[in-house]
Protein backbone atom coordinates (compact mmCIF):
# COMPACT_ATOMS: atom_id res chain seq x y z
CA UNK A 1 -4.46 -1.18 -65.86
CA UNK A 2 -6.38 -1.12 -62.59
CA UNK A 3 -9.28 -3.35 -63.58
CA UNK A 4 -8.93 -6.94 -62.48
CA UNK A 5 -10.70 -10.02 -63.78
CA UNK A 6 -13.24 -11.94 -61.68
CA UNK A 7 -10.72 -14.80 -61.45
CA UNK A 8 -8.00 -12.48 -60.10
CA UNK A 9 -10.41 -11.11 -57.50
CA UNK A 10 -11.43 -14.63 -56.47
CA UNK A 11 -7.83 -15.80 -56.13
CA UNK A 12 -6.93 -12.68 -54.15
CA UNK A 13 -9.76 -13.39 -51.70
CA UNK A 14 -8.76 -17.05 -51.39
CA UNK A 15 -5.15 -16.04 -50.72
CA UNK A 16 -6.28 -13.52 -48.09
CA UNK A 17 -8.37 -16.24 -46.42
CA UNK A 18 -5.35 -18.57 -46.28
CA UNK A 19 -3.22 -15.78 -44.87
CA UNK A 20 -5.79 -15.24 -42.12
CA UNK A 21 -5.68 -18.97 -41.28
CA UNK A 22 -1.90 -18.86 -40.98
CA UNK A 23 -2.04 -15.73 -38.89
CA UNK A 24 -4.54 -17.31 -36.50
CA UNK A 25 -2.46 -20.44 -35.97
CA UNK A 26 1.05 -20.09 -37.46
CA UNK A 27 2.28 -23.33 -35.88
CA UNK A 28 -0.44 -25.52 -37.37
CA UNK A 29 1.09 -27.85 -40.03
CA UNK A 30 -2.34 -28.36 -41.61
CA UNK A 31 -2.65 -24.65 -42.42
CA UNK A 32 0.85 -24.56 -43.89
CA UNK A 33 0.11 -27.61 -46.03
CA UNK A 34 -3.12 -26.02 -47.31
CA UNK A 35 -1.16 -22.96 -48.41
CA UNK A 36 1.50 -25.09 -50.09
CA UNK A 37 -1.07 -27.09 -52.07
CA UNK A 38 -3.03 -23.98 -53.04
CA UNK A 39 0.05 -22.15 -54.31
CA UNK A 40 1.10 -25.20 -56.35
CA UNK A 41 -2.06 -25.03 -58.47
CA UNK A 42 -0.46 -22.67 -60.95
CA UNK A 43 1.23 -19.31 -61.63
CA UNK A 44 -1.98 -17.32 -61.08
CA UNK A 45 -2.33 -18.79 -57.58
CA UNK A 46 1.30 -18.08 -56.73
CA UNK A 47 0.96 -14.52 -58.02
CA UNK A 48 -2.11 -13.87 -55.84
CA UNK A 49 -0.31 -15.28 -52.80
CA UNK A 50 2.72 -13.06 -53.37
CA UNK A 51 0.50 -9.99 -53.70
CA UNK A 52 -1.29 -10.69 -50.41
CA UNK A 53 2.05 -11.50 -48.76
CA UNK A 54 3.49 -8.15 -49.87
CA UNK A 55 0.55 -6.25 -48.44
CA UNK A 56 0.49 -8.28 -45.23
CA UNK A 57 4.21 -7.80 -44.76
CA UNK A 58 3.75 -4.03 -44.79
CA UNK A 59 0.72 -3.93 -42.51
CA UNK A 60 1.64 -6.35 -39.74
CA UNK A 61 -1.15 -8.25 -38.01
CA UNK A 62 -4.11 -6.33 -39.41
CA UNK A 63 -5.84 -8.98 -41.52
CA UNK A 64 -7.50 -10.88 -38.69
CA UNK A 65 -9.00 -7.85 -36.87
CA UNK A 66 -10.28 -6.51 -40.17
CA UNK A 67 -11.76 -9.89 -41.10
CA UNK A 68 -13.53 -10.19 -37.75
CA UNK A 69 -14.96 -6.71 -38.14
CA UNK A 70 -16.26 -7.73 -41.52
CA UNK A 71 -17.87 -10.83 -40.06
CA UNK A 72 -19.63 -8.70 -37.45
CA UNK A 73 -20.85 -6.07 -39.87
CA UNK A 74 -21.97 -8.47 -42.63
CA UNK A 75 -22.20 -5.57 -45.04
CA UNK A 76 -21.14 -7.62 -48.02
CA UNK A 77 -17.66 -6.12 -48.33
CA UNK A 78 -15.23 -8.00 -50.53
CA UNK A 79 -12.11 -9.49 -48.94
CA UNK A 80 -10.10 -6.93 -50.91
CA UNK A 81 -11.98 -4.15 -49.13
CA UNK A 82 -11.31 -5.83 -45.78
CA UNK A 83 -7.58 -5.95 -46.45
CA UNK A 84 -7.61 -2.39 -47.75
CA UNK A 85 -9.48 -1.14 -44.69
CA UNK A 86 -7.00 -2.91 -42.44
CA UNK A 87 -4.10 -1.25 -44.20
CA UNK A 88 -5.72 2.16 -44.00
CA UNK A 89 -6.50 1.65 -40.32
CA UNK A 90 -2.90 0.75 -39.64
CA UNK A 91 -1.84 4.11 -41.07
CA UNK A 92 0.46 2.67 -43.74
CA UNK A 93 2.03 5.42 -45.84
CA UNK A 94 3.63 5.02 -49.22
CA UNK A 95 5.76 7.31 -51.03
CA UNK A 96 3.95 9.68 -50.43
CA UNK A 97 2.90 10.79 -47.80
CA UNK A 98 2.85 12.76 -44.53
CA UNK A 99 5.91 12.55 -42.29
CA UNK A 100 3.97 13.35 -39.11
CA UNK A 101 0.85 11.66 -37.74
CA UNK A 102 -2.20 13.48 -39.00
CA UNK A 103 -3.27 14.82 -35.61
CA UNK A 104 0.20 16.14 -34.80
CA UNK A 105 0.43 17.70 -38.24
CA UNK A 106 -2.87 19.49 -37.73
CA UNK A 107 -1.68 20.79 -34.39
CA UNK A 108 1.51 22.22 -35.92
CA UNK A 109 0.09 23.60 -39.18
CA UNK A 110 -1.44 27.01 -39.80
CA UNK A 111 -2.74 25.97 -43.22
CA UNK A 112 -3.53 22.51 -44.66
CA UNK A 113 -5.04 21.17 -47.86
CA UNK A 114 -6.86 17.95 -48.66
CA UNK A 115 -6.64 15.47 -51.53
CA UNK A 116 -6.48 17.18 -54.95
CA UNK A 117 -6.98 20.59 -53.28
CA UNK A 118 -4.85 23.57 -54.34
CA UNK A 119 -5.18 26.75 -52.28
CA UNK A 120 -3.63 30.20 -52.56
CA UNK A 121 -2.85 31.77 -49.17
CA UNK A 122 -2.03 35.39 -48.35
CA UNK A 123 1.04 35.66 -46.12
CA UNK A 124 1.33 38.32 -43.36
CA UNK A 125 4.01 40.28 -45.28
CA UNK A 126 1.98 40.67 -48.47
CA UNK A 127 3.46 37.65 -50.25
CA UNK A 128 1.53 34.50 -51.16
CA UNK A 129 1.91 30.75 -50.81
CA UNK A 130 0.08 28.35 -53.10
CA UNK A 131 -0.32 25.00 -51.34
CA UNK A 132 -0.48 21.79 -53.33
CA UNK A 133 -2.75 18.88 -52.34
CA UNK A 134 -2.20 17.09 -49.01
CA UNK A 135 0.22 19.83 -47.95
CA UNK A 136 0.76 21.83 -44.78
CA UNK A 137 2.71 24.90 -43.68
CA UNK A 138 3.40 26.66 -40.39
CA UNK A 139 4.05 30.43 -40.24
CA UNK A 140 6.67 32.08 -38.03
CA UNK A 141 6.52 35.88 -38.40
CA UNK A 142 7.68 38.62 -36.06
CA UNK A 143 9.49 41.95 -36.28
CA UNK A 144 12.81 40.32 -37.14
CA UNK A 145 11.97 37.27 -39.20
CA UNK A 146 9.52 35.80 -41.67
CA UNK A 147 9.72 32.06 -41.98
CA UNK A 148 7.42 29.39 -43.42
CA UNK A 149 7.96 25.74 -42.54
CA UNK A 150 6.77 23.26 -45.14
CA UNK A 151 5.54 20.43 -42.92
CA UNK A 152 4.30 18.24 -45.76
CA UNK A 153 3.74 18.33 -49.51
CA UNK A 154 4.46 21.22 -51.85
CA UNK A 155 4.16 24.99 -51.99
CA UNK A 156 4.88 27.78 -54.46
CA UNK A 157 6.00 31.03 -52.83
CA UNK A 158 5.71 34.53 -54.27
CA UNK A 159 7.90 36.54 -51.91
CA UNK A 160 7.25 40.17 -50.95
CA UNK A 161 10.38 42.32 -50.90
CA UNK A 162 11.70 43.25 -47.46
CA UNK A 163 15.53 43.59 -47.38
CA UNK A 164 15.53 43.86 -43.60
CA UNK A 165 13.82 40.47 -43.21
CA UNK A 166 14.93 37.80 -45.71
CA UNK A 167 12.20 35.26 -46.40
CA UNK A 168 13.05 31.74 -45.22
CA UNK A 169 11.23 28.56 -46.28
CA UNK A 170 12.28 25.34 -44.56
CA UNK A 171 11.79 21.60 -44.55
CA UNK A 172 13.30 19.19 -42.05
CA UNK A 173 16.47 18.99 -44.19
CA UNK A 174 16.67 22.15 -46.31
CA UNK A 175 16.36 25.90 -45.91
CA UNK A 176 15.74 28.30 -48.82
CA UNK A 177 16.34 32.03 -48.31
CA UNK A 178 15.04 34.73 -50.69
CA UNK A 179 14.30 38.46 -50.84
CA UNK A 180 11.93 39.24 -53.71
CA UNK A 181 11.44 36.13 -55.81
CA UNK A 182 9.13 33.25 -56.68
CA UNK A 183 10.08 29.62 -56.15
CA UNK A 184 8.70 26.13 -55.66
CA UNK A 185 9.49 23.90 -52.66
CA UNK A 186 8.41 20.31 -52.15
CA UNK A 187 9.19 17.20 -50.12
CA UNK A 188 8.25 14.01 -51.96
CA UNK A 189 9.03 10.84 -50.00
CA UNK A 190 12.28 12.33 -48.75
CA UNK A 191 13.30 14.06 -52.00
CA UNK A 192 13.37 17.80 -51.21
CA UNK A 193 13.22 20.05 -54.28
CA UNK A 194 13.65 23.79 -54.85
CA UNK A 195 12.97 25.39 -58.24
CA UNK A 196 13.22 29.13 -58.99
CA UNK A 197 10.82 30.94 -61.30
CA UNK A 198 12.49 34.34 -60.96
CA UNK A 199 14.90 36.07 -58.61
CA UNK A 200 17.57 34.40 -56.49
CA UNK A 201 17.23 31.74 -53.81
CA UNK A 202 20.03 30.54 -51.56
CA UNK A 203 19.69 26.97 -50.32
CA UNK A 204 21.30 25.40 -47.30
CA UNK A 205 21.50 21.62 -47.04
CA UNK A 206 23.61 19.31 -44.82
CA UNK A 207 27.22 19.21 -45.97
CA UNK A 208 26.73 21.96 -48.55
CA UNK A 209 29.59 24.04 -49.86
CA UNK A 210 30.15 27.82 -50.03
CA UNK A 211 27.14 30.07 -50.26
CA UNK A 212 27.86 31.09 -53.88
CA UNK A 213 27.61 27.45 -54.93
CA UNK A 214 24.17 27.17 -53.36
CA UNK A 215 22.49 30.08 -55.11
CA UNK A 216 19.78 29.30 -57.63
CA UNK A 217 18.66 31.77 -60.32
CA UNK A 218 15.62 31.73 -62.62
CA UNK A 219 15.12 28.33 -64.21
CA UNK A 220 17.54 26.56 -61.87
CA UNK A 221 16.56 23.74 -59.52
CA UNK A 222 18.17 21.58 -56.86
CA UNK A 223 17.11 18.38 -55.12
CA UNK A 224 18.36 16.85 -51.90
CA UNK A 225 17.75 13.14 -51.33
CA UNK A 226 17.41 12.46 -47.62
CA UNK A 227 18.24 8.78 -48.17
CA UNK A 228 21.41 9.10 -50.22
CA UNK A 229 22.37 12.55 -48.81
CA UNK A 230 23.16 13.68 -52.36
CA UNK A 231 22.31 17.06 -53.89
CA UNK A 232 21.56 17.36 -57.62
CA UNK A 233 21.19 20.54 -59.66
CA UNK A 234 19.83 21.36 -63.08
CA UNK A 235 18.06 23.86 -65.35
CA UNK A 236 14.66 24.06 -67.01
CA UNK A 237 12.43 26.64 -68.64
CA UNK A 238 11.41 29.03 -65.85
CA UNK A 239 7.83 28.91 -67.18
CA UNK A 240 7.68 25.24 -66.15
CA UNK A 241 8.39 25.95 -62.48
CA UNK A 242 5.39 25.04 -60.33
CA UNK A 243 3.55 23.57 -63.32
CA UNK A 244 1.48 21.44 -60.92
CA UNK A 245 -0.61 24.55 -60.29
CA UNK A 246 -1.96 24.30 -63.83
CA UNK A 247 -2.34 20.51 -63.98
CA UNK A 248 1.09 19.19 -65.00
CA UNK A 249 3.78 17.39 -63.02
CA UNK A 250 7.22 17.67 -64.61
CA UNK A 251 10.02 15.47 -63.30
CA UNK A 252 13.61 15.01 -64.41
CA UNK A 253 15.53 11.91 -63.37
CA UNK A 254 13.69 11.58 -60.05
CA UNK A 255 13.20 8.39 -58.01
CA UNK A 256 9.94 6.60 -58.73
CA UNK A 257 9.06 6.77 -55.03
CA UNK A 258 9.20 10.58 -55.16
CA UNK A 259 7.12 10.86 -58.34
CA UNK A 260 4.54 8.44 -56.94
CA UNK A 261 4.38 10.47 -53.71
CA UNK A 262 3.80 13.66 -55.68
CA UNK A 263 1.00 12.23 -57.85
CA UNK A 264 -0.56 10.44 -54.86
CA UNK A 265 -1.65 13.79 -53.45
CA UNK A 266 -4.38 13.78 -56.09
CA UNK A 267 -5.46 10.17 -55.34
CA UNK A 268 -7.92 9.47 -52.48
CA UNK A 269 -6.71 7.13 -49.72
CA UNK A 270 -3.18 5.79 -49.46
CA UNK A 271 -0.86 4.81 -52.28
CA UNK A 272 1.64 2.13 -51.31
CA UNK A 273 4.68 0.82 -53.19
CA UNK A 274 4.94 -2.84 -52.18
CA UNK A 275 8.35 -3.32 -53.81
CA UNK A 276 11.07 -1.11 -52.29
CA UNK A 277 13.39 -1.77 -55.23
CA UNK A 278 10.84 -0.35 -57.63
CA UNK A 279 10.82 2.99 -55.81
CA UNK A 280 14.56 3.42 -56.31
CA UNK A 281 14.30 3.48 -60.12
CA UNK A 282 14.51 6.89 -61.79
CA UNK A 283 12.24 8.47 -64.38
CA UNK A 284 11.69 11.70 -66.31
CA UNK A 285 8.47 12.87 -67.89
CA UNK A 286 5.29 14.95 -67.79
CA UNK A 287 2.28 13.52 -65.95
CA UNK A 288 -1.33 14.62 -65.53
CA UNK A 289 -2.42 14.45 -61.87
CA UNK A 290 -6.01 15.10 -62.93
CA UNK A 291 -6.21 11.38 -63.64
CA UNK A 292 -3.93 10.10 -60.88
CA UNK A 293 -4.36 6.37 -61.51
CA UNK A 294 -3.36 6.72 -65.15
CA UNK A 295 -0.48 8.98 -64.15
CA UNK A 296 0.75 6.39 -61.65
CA UNK A 297 0.50 3.68 -64.30
CA UNK A 298 2.55 5.81 -66.68
CA UNK A 299 5.24 6.21 -64.02
CA UNK A 300 5.65 2.52 -63.13
CA UNK A 301 4.79 0.78 -66.40
CA UNK A 302 8.33 1.13 -67.85
CA UNK A 303 9.58 -0.94 -64.90
CA UNK A 304 7.06 -3.75 -65.34
CA UNK A 305 4.97 -2.72 -62.33
CA UNK A 306 1.22 -2.63 -61.86
CA UNK A 307 -1.19 -0.23 -60.14
CA UNK A 308 -4.19 -1.77 -58.39
CA UNK A 309 -6.95 0.07 -56.56
CA UNK A 310 -8.20 -1.99 -53.61
CA UNK A 311 -11.36 -0.15 -52.65
CA UNK A 312 -11.52 3.54 -51.72
CA UNK A 313 -8.79 3.39 -49.08
CA UNK A 314 -5.73 1.88 -50.72
CA UNK A 315 -3.87 1.79 -54.03
CA UNK A 316 -1.04 -0.74 -54.26
CA UNK A 317 1.86 -0.57 -56.72
CA UNK A 318 3.73 -3.84 -57.11
CA UNK A 319 5.93 -5.68 -59.59
CA UNK A 320 3.98 -7.87 -61.99
């Protein structure tokens, strides 16, 4: 669960304070000895230190500036909030999240959505695109082509028929071509997915085979993992395609990092997986993004991991 005991909060703050001391003067043997003695007090102390170390390792030297800002403001923020604000200020992304800096993304996109926002957009050719939360698309239409680039997140396309101009939806690593059809496209922490509700979609990925082997019909899906460079295919009930539009996230043997990234679009702030090994595990299931923290817990609980909300800016997933 996300709730922490007063003792856990106190130990977290003490560990953050010790980390700040080390960061200020890493060569001081007194500071190192203080940390050693504090960690030796028991398992709870060691656990708090490891948690702060994981966060600090992902954020670089952000603890001291955040702490000094807190000292200046004197607004009564907890040390957890200071660390969380430092992480958010450093722009740390987990799983989830956008591949381009926010300002660049805004400059490139024609349509964007915010956290937990789903929006249906009319396309210039009479088709529609339903954008999932924290998603962005760019439109490229002229007399010879109609193309939509998915810059971030997820989108469900209902394609208007135009045999003279096949509809093309792209990510950085995959292209999906269709005439009159409806399909789902997403990029979740480097796992690109295409699922077809009806019609035919032809996908093109690096190293793919003949065109006939890359055609997806109703109920068929394919994923391309940008890390492993592997493509996986499967089948599901066509009525389940794009189920996120009605409040369900269905996944089948997907990496935890990708599922976390998908659900994180409904969670305010950043969601960060502190343990890279955890993100490589695979899971199947149905999750409710309407309660994103519980959904994240359901994803990582089978692997002995924990979800902790550190203020409004950061949610950390780490091994217990």
